[in-house]
Amino acid sequence: MQYKCAYCGKQLTEECEVFLIGGKLKPEVDVREEEGQMISFSMSYSGKNISAVVPASNSEAKTDGFDVGFIVCSENCAKYLRNDLQTEIINWAQRKSETRRRLESSLKPREGEAISNLSEVWPSLSEETKDMLTEDLLDSEAESGKEYYRKRMIGDCPRCGSSKTRDCKDLPGIDDSTVGSCIDCGHLWCLECGLPLPQNNICEHWEVCDACDDCGEQECSILTWECEKIQKWLRERNTDLD
């Protein structure tokens, strides 16, 4: 495999002295299939494209806790690349902070507007979840908090694929923010578990919740998609349908 300096792009030969800068990736980034191969990164602040090698699982770099290694041809290139990477991290943190501020600002309803479901649950979310949602928005093409809410919390219609969807919090006769509605085909589905709604517009998974006494008389704090009982019920239900 031919290697190039990650900073200046110089072709590296076997005679070249090289330096390795280790790097870590986000936990959700899986590069196991690229072990031993080169991958590229686009740096949003400087506009540079840099390459890195993914170390093998039994390599010294991986043992040291690094997910990728940047190979450079000189100490100067190592210095400049470290500076660029640090600038990229600082710029990302600033953009993330601004995106968080913009998201929270857009969730505040204007006079006469209804409060969205995300606005209601946002204060109770953990900082880890808020960070995850902020980073999703930063990486997404959504132009506003409301559109981001639609993409993230409602999604496209599971029946026809239309993006003209909304929740039913202010829909007469339903008045439920946990129900999704497709404007194009009229499909109604549960935003908590994804099932189509029965004729009474009340999802069957609520029967599981009503029969559960894990939280006593307190309001349940377990998210539906994280509830083991709901997930077990969904698996059994799908098996019965099959």
C-alpha atoms as a PDB file:
ATOM      1  CA  MET A   1       0.000   0.000   0.000  1.00  0.00           C
ATOM      2  CA  GLN A   2       1.303   3.447  -0.936  1.00  0.00           C
ATOM      3  CA  TYR A   3       1.143   6.006   1.860  1.00  0.00           C
ATOM      4  CA  LYS A   4       1.145   9.792   1.661  1.00  0.00           C
ATOM      5  CA  CYS A   5       1.857  12.315   4.368  1.00  0.00           C
ATOM      6  CA  ALA A   6      -1.491  13.151   5.963  1.00  0.00           C
ATOM      7  CA  TYR A   7      -0.591  16.844   6.031  1.00  0.00           C
ATOM      8  CA  CYS A   8       1.460  17.774   2.940  1.00  0.00           C
ATOM      9  CA  GLY A   9       0.556  14.847   0.686  1.00  0.00           C
ATOM     10  CA  LYS A  10       4.160  13.832   0.003  1.00  0.00           C
ATOM     11  CA  GLN A  11       4.516  10.272  -1.270  1.00  0.00           C
ATOM     12  CA  LEU A  12       6.175   8.137   1.418  1.00  0.00           C
ATOM     13  CA  THR A  13       8.739   5.512   0.507  1.00  0.00           C
ATOM     14  CA  GLU A  14      10.313   2.788   2.621  1.00  0.00           C
ATOM     15  CA  GLU A  15      13.367   5.008   3.117  1.00  0.00           C
ATOM     16  CA  CYS A  16      11.344   7.923   4.543  1.00  0.00           C
ATOM     17  CA  GLU A  17      11.290   8.660   8.243  1.00  0.00           C
ATOM     18  CA  VAL A  18       7.665   8.824   9.328  1.00  0.00           C
ATOM     19  CA  PHE A  19       5.771   9.963  12.409  1.00  0.00           C
ATOM     20  CA  LEU A  20       2.404   8.684  13.623  1.00  0.00           C
ATOM     21  CA  ILE A  21      -0.280  10.777  15.330  1.00  0.00           C
ATOM     22  CA  GLY A  22      -2.964   8.695  17.009  1.00  0.00           C
ATOM     23  CA  GLY A  23      -6.581   9.769  17.011  1.00  0.00           C
ATOM     24  CA  LYS A  24      -9.894   8.667  18.500  1.00  0.00           C
ATOM     25  CA  LEU A  25     -13.286   8.622  16.789  1.00  0.00           C
ATOM     26  CA  LYS A  26     -16.777   9.032  18.177  1.00  0.00           C
ATOM     27  CA  PRO A  27     -18.035   5.803  19.777  1.00  0.00           C
ATOM     28  CA  GLU A  28     -20.772   5.438  17.149  1.00  0.00           C
ATOM     29  CA  VAL A  29     -18.269   5.520  14.247  1.00  0.00           C
ATOM     30  CA  ASP A  30     -17.478   1.922  13.262  1.00  0.00           C
ATOM     31  CA  VAL A  31     -14.366   1.462  11.097  1.00  0.00           C
ATOM     32  CA  ARG A  32     -13.696  -2.198  11.851  1.00  0.00           C
ATOM     33  CA  GLU A  33     -14.274  -3.177   8.214  1.00  0.00           C
ATOM     34  CA  GLU A  34     -11.527  -0.720   7.173  1.00  0.00           C
ATOM     35  CA  GLU A  35      -8.804  -2.226   9.394  1.00  0.00           C
ATOM     36  CA  GLY A  36      -5.422  -1.875   7.715  1.00  0.00           C
ATOM     37  CA  GLN A  37      -6.835   0.484   5.078  1.00  0.00           C
ATOM     38  CA  MET A  38      -6.712   4.219   4.471  1.00  0.00           C
ATOM     39  CA  ILE A  39      -9.745   6.395   5.086  1.00  0.00           C
ATOM     40  CA  SER A  40     -10.247  10.098   4.376  1.00  0.00           C
ATOM     41  CA  PHE A  41     -11.567  12.952   6.495  1.00  0.00           C
ATOM     42  CA  SER A  42     -12.821  16.329   5.346  1.00  0.00           C
ATOM     43  CA  MET A  43     -11.952  19.118   7.779  1.00  0.00           C
ATOM     44  CA  SER A  44     -14.799  21.622   7.772  1.00  0.00           C
ATOM     45  CA  TYR A  45     -12.793  24.565   9.130  1.00  0.00           C
ATOM     46  CA  SER A  46      -9.684  24.418   6.925  1.00  0.00           C
ATOM     47  CA  GLY A  47     -11.319  22.649   3.988  1.00  0.00           C
ATOM     48  CA  LYS A  48      -8.420  20.163   3.814  1.00  0.00           C
ATOM     49  CA  ASN A  49      -8.882  16.481   3.114  1.00  0.00           C
ATOM     50  CA  ILE A  50      -6.604  14.315   5.217  1.00  0.00           C
ATOM     51  CA  SER A  51      -6.055  10.575   5.225  1.00  0.00           C
ATOM     52  CA  ALA A  52      -5.532   8.169   8.094  1.00  0.00           C
ATOM     53  CA  VAL A  53      -4.866   4.473   8.466  1.00  0.00           C
ATOM     54  CA  VAL A  54      -7.166   2.270  10.549  1.00  0.00           C
ATOM     55  CA  PRO A  55      -4.944   0.111  12.787  1.00  0.00           C
ATOM     56  CA  ALA A  56      -5.530  -3.615  13.072  1.00  0.00           C
ATOM     57  CA  SER A  57      -7.243  -4.830  16.237  1.00  0.00           C
ATOM     58  CA  ASN A  58      -4.014  -6.497  17.461  1.00  0.00           C
ATOM     59  CA  SER A  59      -1.733  -3.545  16.661  1.00  0.00           C
ATOM     60  CA  GLU A  60       0.184  -1.443  19.177  1.00  0.00           C
ATOM     61  CA  ALA A  61      -1.767   1.686  18.150  1.00  0.00           C
ATOM     62  CA  LYS A  62      -5.082  -0.049  18.851  1.00  0.00           C
ATOM     63  CA  THR A  63      -3.766  -1.354  22.185  1.00  0.00           C
ATOM     64  CA  ASP A  64      -2.880   2.234  23.069  1.00  0.00           C
ATOM     65  CA  GLY A  65      -6.512   3.189  22.493  1.00  0.00           C
ATOM     66  CA  PHE A  66      -6.280   4.835  19.065  1.00  0.00           C
ATOM     67  CA  ASP A  67      -8.931   4.301  16.378  1.00  0.00           C
ATOM     68  CA  VAL A  68      -6.946   5.890  13.526  1.00  0.00           C
ATOM     69  CA  GLY A  69      -3.375   6.927  12.845  1.00  0.00           C
ATOM     70  CA  PHE A  70      -2.229   9.953  10.840  1.00  0.00           C
ATOM     71  CA  ILE A  71       1.100   9.275   9.126  1.00  0.00           C
ATOM     72  CA  VAL A  72       3.251  12.355   8.494  1.00  0.00           C
ATOM     73  CA  CYS A  73       6.676  12.835   6.952  1.00  0.00           C
ATOM     74  CA  SER A  74       8.270  15.278   9.378  1.00  0.00           C
ATOM     75  CA  GLU A  75       8.039  16.865  12.787  1.00  0.00           C
ATOM     76  CA  ASN A  76       6.881  20.089  11.128  1.00  0.00           C
ATOM     77  CA  CYS A  77       3.990  18.306   9.405  1.00  0.00           C
ATOM     78  CA  ALA A  78       3.144  16.615  12.708  1.00  0.00           C
ATOM     79  CA  LYS A  79       3.095  20.018  14.421  1.00  0.00           C
ATOM     80  CA  TYR A  80       0.934  21.648  11.728  1.00  0.00           C
ATOM     81  CA  LEU A  81      -1.465  18.701  11.608  1.00  0.00           C
ATOM     82  CA  ARG A  82      -1.898  18.739  15.398  1.00  0.00           C
ATOM     83  CA  ASN A  83      -2.651  22.460  15.205  1.00  0.00           C
ATOM     84  CA  ASP A  84      -5.209  21.902  12.447  1.00  0.00           C
ATOM     85  CA  LEU A  85      -6.856  19.065  14.358  1.00  0.00           C
ATOM     86  CA  GLN A  86      -7.012  21.188  17.513  1.00  0.00           C
ATOM     87  CA  THR A  87      -8.514  24.078  15.538  1.00  0.00           C
ATOM     88  CA  GLU A  88     -11.068  21.671  14.049  1.00  0.00           C
ATOM     89  CA  ILE A  89     -12.048  20.457  17.536  1.00  0.00           C
ATOM     90  CA  ILE A  90     -12.417  24.020  18.838  1.00  0.00           C
ATOM     91  CA  ASN A  91     -14.435  25.044  15.773  1.00  0.00           C
ATOM     92  CA  TRP A  92     -16.685  21.985  16.174  1.00  0.00           C
ATOM     93  CA  ALA A  93     -17.283  22.866  19.833  1.00  0.00           C
ATOM     94  CA  GLN A  94     -18.201  26.448  18.892  1.00  0.00           C
ATOM     95  CA  ARG A  95     -20.547  25.293  16.126  1.00  0.00           C
ATOM     96  CA  LYS A  96     -22.100  22.757  18.485  1.00  0.00           C
ATOM     97  CA  SER A  97     -22.680  25.436  21.129  1.00  0.00           C
ATOM     98  CA  GLU A  98     -24.277  27.754  18.572  1.00  0.00           C
ATOM     99  CA  THR A  99     -26.420  24.914  17.185  1.00  0.00           C
ATOM    100  CA  ARG A 100     -27.577  24.041  20.721  1.00  0.00           C
ATOM    101  CA  ARG A 101     -28.514  27.690  21.313  1.00  0.00           C
ATOM    102  CA  ARG A 102     -30.331  27.871  17.961  1.00  0.00           C
ATOM    103  CA  LEU A 103     -32.177  24.605  18.609  1.00  0.00           C
ATOM    104  CA  GLU A 104     -33.347  25.648  22.066  1.00  0.00           C
ATOM    105  CA  SER A 105     -34.357  29.074  20.751  1.00  0.00           C
ATOM    106  CA  SER A 106     -36.409  27.560  17.928  1.00  0.00           C
ATOM    107  CA  LEU A 107     -38.219  25.299  20.412  1.00  0.00           C
ATOM    108  CA  LYS A 108     -39.643  28.300  22.242  1.00  0.00           C
ATOM    109  CA  PRO A 109     -43.143  28.833  20.786  1.00  0.00           C
ATOM    110  CA  ARG A 110     -44.049  32.266  19.511  1.00  0.00           C
ATOM    111  CA  GLU A 111     -47.220  33.929  20.696  1.00  0.00           C
ATOM    112  CA  GLY A 112     -50.242  31.931  19.574  1.00  0.00           C
ATOM    113  CA  GLU A 113     -48.209  28.833  18.612  1.00  0.00           C
ATOM    114  CA  ALA A 114     -48.694  25.422  20.195  1.00  0.00           C
ATOM    115  CA  ILE A 115     -45.867  23.895  22.197  1.00  0.00           C
ATOM    116  CA  SER A 116     -44.220  21.028  20.305  1.00  0.00           C
ATOM    117  CA  ASN A 117     -43.628  17.609  21.824  1.00  0.00           C
ATOM    118  CA  LEU A 118     -39.864  18.154  21.783  1.00  0.00           C
ATOM    119  CA  SER A 119     -40.318  21.458  23.612  1.00  0.00           C
ATOM    120  CA  GLU A 120     -42.204  19.642  26.356  1.00  0.00           C
ATOM    121  CA  VAL A 121     -39.664  16.865  26.900  1.00  0.00           C
ATOM    122  CA  TRP A 122     -36.474  18.887  26.314  1.00  0.00           C
ATOM    123  CA  PRO A 123     -36.072  20.073  29.955  1.00  0.00           C
ATOM    124  CA  SER A 124     -36.273  16.500  31.239  1.00  0.00           C
ATOM    125  CA  LEU A 125     -33.692  15.076  28.806  1.00  0.00           C
ATOM    126  CA  SER A 126     -30.217  14.232  30.063  1.00  0.00           C
ATOM    127  CA  GLU A 127     -27.263  16.341  28.920  1.00  0.00           C
ATOM    128  CA  GLU A 128     -25.969  13.292  27.025  1.00  0.00           C
ATOM    129  CA  THR A 129     -29.235  13.024  25.068  1.00  0.00           C
ATOM    130  CA  LYS A 130     -29.306  16.773  24.409  1.00  0.00           C
ATOM    131  CA  ASP A 131     -25.728  16.566  23.097  1.00  0.00           C
ATOM    132  CA  MET A 132     -26.666  13.662  20.831  1.00  0.00           C
ATOM    133  CA  LEU A 133     -29.664  15.517  19.405  1.00  0.00           C
ATOM    134  CA  THR A 134     -27.583  18.673  18.939  1.00  0.00           C
ATOM    135  CA  GLU A 135     -24.880  16.781  17.060  1.00  0.00           C
ATOM    136  CA  ASP A 136     -27.536  15.119  14.904  1.00  0.00           C
ATOM    137  CA  LEU A 137     -28.889  18.543  14.020  1.00  0.00           C
ATOM    138  CA  LEU A 138     -25.394  19.828  13.301  1.00  0.00           C
ATOM    139  CA  ASP A 139     -24.824  16.931  10.906  1.00  0.00           C
ATOM    140  CA  SER A 140     -28.298  17.059   9.366  1.00  0.00           C
ATOM    141  CA  GLU A 141     -29.757  19.164   6.593  1.00  0.00           C
ATOM    142  CA  ALA A 142     -32.586  20.413   8.775  1.00  0.00           C
ATOM    143  CA  GLU A 143     -32.885  24.193   8.621  1.00  0.00           C
ATOM    144  CA  SER A 144     -34.802  24.750  11.837  1.00  0.00           C
ATOM    145  CA  GLY A 145     -35.597  23.129  15.140  1.00  0.00           C
ATOM    146  CA  LYS A 146     -39.153  22.411  14.011  1.00  0.00           C
ATOM    147  CA  GLU A 147     -38.059  20.655  10.829  1.00  0.00           C
ATOM    148  CA  TYR A 148     -35.437  18.791  12.828  1.00  0.00           C
ATOM    149  CA  TYR A 149     -38.158  17.701  15.256  1.00  0.00           C
ATOM    150  CA  ARG A 150     -40.214  16.397  12.326  1.00  0.00           C
ATOM    151  CA  LYS A 151     -37.283  14.476  10.859  1.00  0.00           C
ATOM    152  CA  ARG A 152     -35.995  13.104  14.141  1.00  0.00           C
ATOM    153  CA  MET A 153     -39.135  12.544  16.213  1.00  0.00           C
ATOM    154  CA  ILE A 154     -41.782  11.893  13.525  1.00  0.00           C
ATOM    155  CA  GLY A 155     -39.994  10.863  10.357  1.00  0.00           C
ATOM    156  CA  ASP A 156     -41.438  10.107   6.938  1.00  0.00           C
ATOM    157  CA  CYS A 157     -44.688   8.196   6.545  1.00  0.00           C
ATOM    158  CA  PRO A 158     -44.065   4.452   7.053  1.00  0.00           C
ATOM    159  CA  ARG A 159     -46.815   3.640   4.545  1.00  0.00           C
ATOM    160  CA  CYS A 160     -46.159   5.920   1.542  1.00  0.00           C
ATOM    161  CA  GLY A 161     -42.784   7.483   2.396  1.00  0.00           C
ATOM    162  CA  SER A 162     -44.061  11.068   2.229  1.00  0.00           C
ATOM    163  CA  SER A 163     -42.188  13.747   4.169  1.00  0.00           C
ATOM    164  CA  LYS A 164     -45.446  15.669   4.751  1.00  0.00           C
ATOM    165  CA  THR A 165     -45.937  14.378   8.270  1.00  0.00           C
ATOM    166  CA  ARG A 166     -46.811  15.872  11.639  1.00  0.00           C
ATOM    167  CA  ASP A 167     -47.814  14.844  15.118  1.00  0.00           C
ATOM    168  CA  CYS A 168     -51.469  14.905  16.142  1.00  0.00           C
ATOM    169  CA  LYS A 169     -51.261  17.046  19.235  1.00  0.00           C
ATOM    170  CA  ASP A 170     -53.561  19.676  17.731  1.00  0.00           C
ATOM    171  CA  LEU A 171     -55.542  17.391  15.416  1.00  0.00           C
ATOM    172  CA  PRO A 172     -59.226  17.431  16.474  1.00  0.00           C
ATOM    173  CA  GLY A 173     -60.474  14.036  17.576  1.00  0.00           C
ATOM    174  CA  ILE A 174     -56.983  12.733  18.416  1.00  0.00           C
ATOM    175  CA  ASP A 175     -55.132  15.486  20.317  1.00  0.00           C
ATOM    176  CA  ASP A 176     -52.148  13.207  20.963  1.00  0.00           C
ATOM    177  CA  SER A 177     -48.516  14.186  20.376  1.00  0.00           C
ATOM    178  CA  THR A 178     -47.486  10.507  20.378  1.00  0.00           C
ATOM    179  CA  VAL A 179     -49.442   9.874  17.170  1.00  0.00           C
ATOM    180  CA  GLY A 180     -48.004  10.588  13.729  1.00  0.00           C
ATOM    181  CA  SER A 181     -50.119  11.619  10.752  1.00  0.00           C
ATOM    182  CA  CYS A 182     -49.370  11.640   7.017  1.00  0.00           C
ATOM    183  CA  ILE A 183     -50.926  14.561   5.161  1.00  0.00           C
ATOM    184  CA  ASP A 184     -50.635  12.777   1.790  1.00  0.00           C
ATOM    185  CA  CYS A 185     -52.170   9.349   2.520  1.00  0.00           C
ATOM    186  CA  GLY A 186     -53.852   9.885   5.903  1.00  0.00           C
ATOM    187  CA  HIS A 187     -51.939   7.102   7.619  1.00  0.00           C
ATOM    188  CA  LEU A 188     -51.848   7.253  11.427  1.00  0.00           C
ATOM    189  CA  TRP A 189     -49.173   5.507  13.464  1.00  0.00           C
ATOM    190  CA  CYS A 190     -47.759   5.431  16.978  1.00  0.00           C
ATOM    191  CA  LEU A 191     -44.602   7.518  17.336  1.00  0.00           C
ATOM    192  CA  GLU A 192     -43.698   5.587  20.475  1.00  0.00           C
ATOM    193  CA  CYS A 193     -43.515   2.086  18.994  1.00  0.00           C
ATOM    194  CA  GLY A 194     -44.138   2.531  15.254  1.00  0.00           C
ATOM    195  CA  LEU A 195     -47.320   0.448  14.971  1.00  0.00           C
ATOM    196  CA  PRO A 196     -50.286   1.542  12.822  1.00  0.00           C
ATOM    197  CA  LEU A 197     -53.114   2.885  14.955  1.00  0.00           C
ATOM    198  CA  PRO A 198     -56.273   0.786  15.404  1.00  0.00           C
ATOM    199  CA  GLN A 199     -59.716   2.268  14.765  1.00  0.00           C
ATOM    200  CA  ASN A 200     -59.995   3.747  18.258  1.00  0.00           C
ATOM    201  CA  ASN A 201     -56.744   5.708  17.648  1.00  0.00           C
ATOM    202  CA  ILE A 202     -55.172   4.314  20.837  1.00  0.00           C
ATOM    203  CA  CYS A 203     -52.055   2.220  20.321  1.00  0.00           C
ATOM    204  CA  GLU A 204     -52.148  -1.291  21.767  1.00  0.00           C
ATOM    205  CA  HIS A 205     -48.796  -0.808  23.521  1.00  0.00           C
ATOM    206  CA  TRP A 206     -50.503   1.385  26.129  1.00  0.00           C
ATOM    207  CA  GLU A 207     -52.225  -1.758  27.426  1.00  0.00           C
ATOM    208  CA  VAL A 208     -48.766  -3.090  28.295  1.00  0.00           C
ATOM    209  CA  CYS A 209     -47.997   0.182  30.081  1.00  0.00           C
ATOM    210  CA  ASP A 210     -51.293   0.108  32.008  1.00  0.00           C
ATOM    211  CA  ALA A 211     -50.575  -3.445  33.196  1.00  0.00           C
ATOM    212  CA  CYS A 212     -47.048  -2.552  34.349  1.00  0.00           C
ATOM    213  CA  ASP A 213     -46.482  -1.589  37.984  1.00  0.00           C
ATOM    214  CA  ASP A 214     -42.685  -1.159  37.907  1.00  0.00           C
ATOM    215  CA  CYS A 215     -42.957   2.564  38.629  1.00  0.00           C
ATOM    216  CA  GLY A 216     -45.730   2.281  41.205  1.00  0.00           C
ATOM    217  CA  GLU A 217     -47.965   5.323  41.237  1.00  0.00           C
ATOM    218  CA  GLN A 218     -45.283   7.577  39.771  1.00  0.00           C
ATOM    219  CA  GLU A 219     -45.209   8.532  36.108  1.00  0.00           C
ATOM    220  CA  CYS A 220     -43.057   6.100  34.155  1.00  0.00           C
ATOM    221  CA  SER A 221     -39.643   7.536  33.289  1.00  0.00           C
ATOM    222  CA  ILE A 222     -38.636   4.772  30.852  1.00  0.00           C
ATOM    223  CA  LEU A 223     -38.774   5.726  27.185  1.00  0.00           C
ATOM    224  CA  THR A 224     -41.031   3.397  25.188  1.00  0.00           C
ATOM    225  CA  TRP A 225     -38.295   2.405  22.738  1.00  0.00           C
ATOM    226  CA  GLU A 226     -36.011   1.536  25.671  1.00  0.00           C
ATOM    227  CA  CYS A 227     -38.615  -0.410  27.661  1.00  0.00           C
ATOM    228  CA  GLU A 228     -37.776  -4.120  27.762  1.00  0.00           C
ATOM    229  CA  LYS A 229     -41.426  -5.079  28.312  1.00  0.00           C
ATOM    230  CA  ILE A 230     -42.583  -3.108  25.271  1.00  0.00           C
ATOM    231  CA  GLN A 231     -39.780  -4.497  23.108  1.00  0.00           C
ATOM    232  CA  LYS A 232     -40.610  -8.053  24.215  1.00  0.00           C
ATOM    233  CA  TRP A 233     -44.296  -7.430  23.477  1.00  0.00           C
ATOM    234  CA  LEU A 234     -43.444  -6.089  20.005  1.00  0.00           C
ATOM    235  CA  ARG A 235     -41.291  -9.139  19.231  1.00  0.00           C
ATOM    236  CA  GLU A 236     -44.022 -11.534  20.360  1.00  0.00           C
ATOM    237  CA  ARG A 237     -46.651  -9.557  18.447  1.00  0.00           C
ATOM    238  CA  ASN A 238     -44.615  -9.625  15.236  1.00  0.00           C
ATOM    239  CA  THR A 239     -44.006 -13.376  15.681  1.00  0.00           C
ATOM    240  CA  ASP A 240     -47.748 -13.968  16.045  1.00  0.00           C
ATOM    241  CA  LEU A 241     -48.436 -11.939  12.884  1.00  0.00           C
ATOM    242  CA  ASP A 242     -45.855 -13.951  10.959  1.00  0.00           C
END
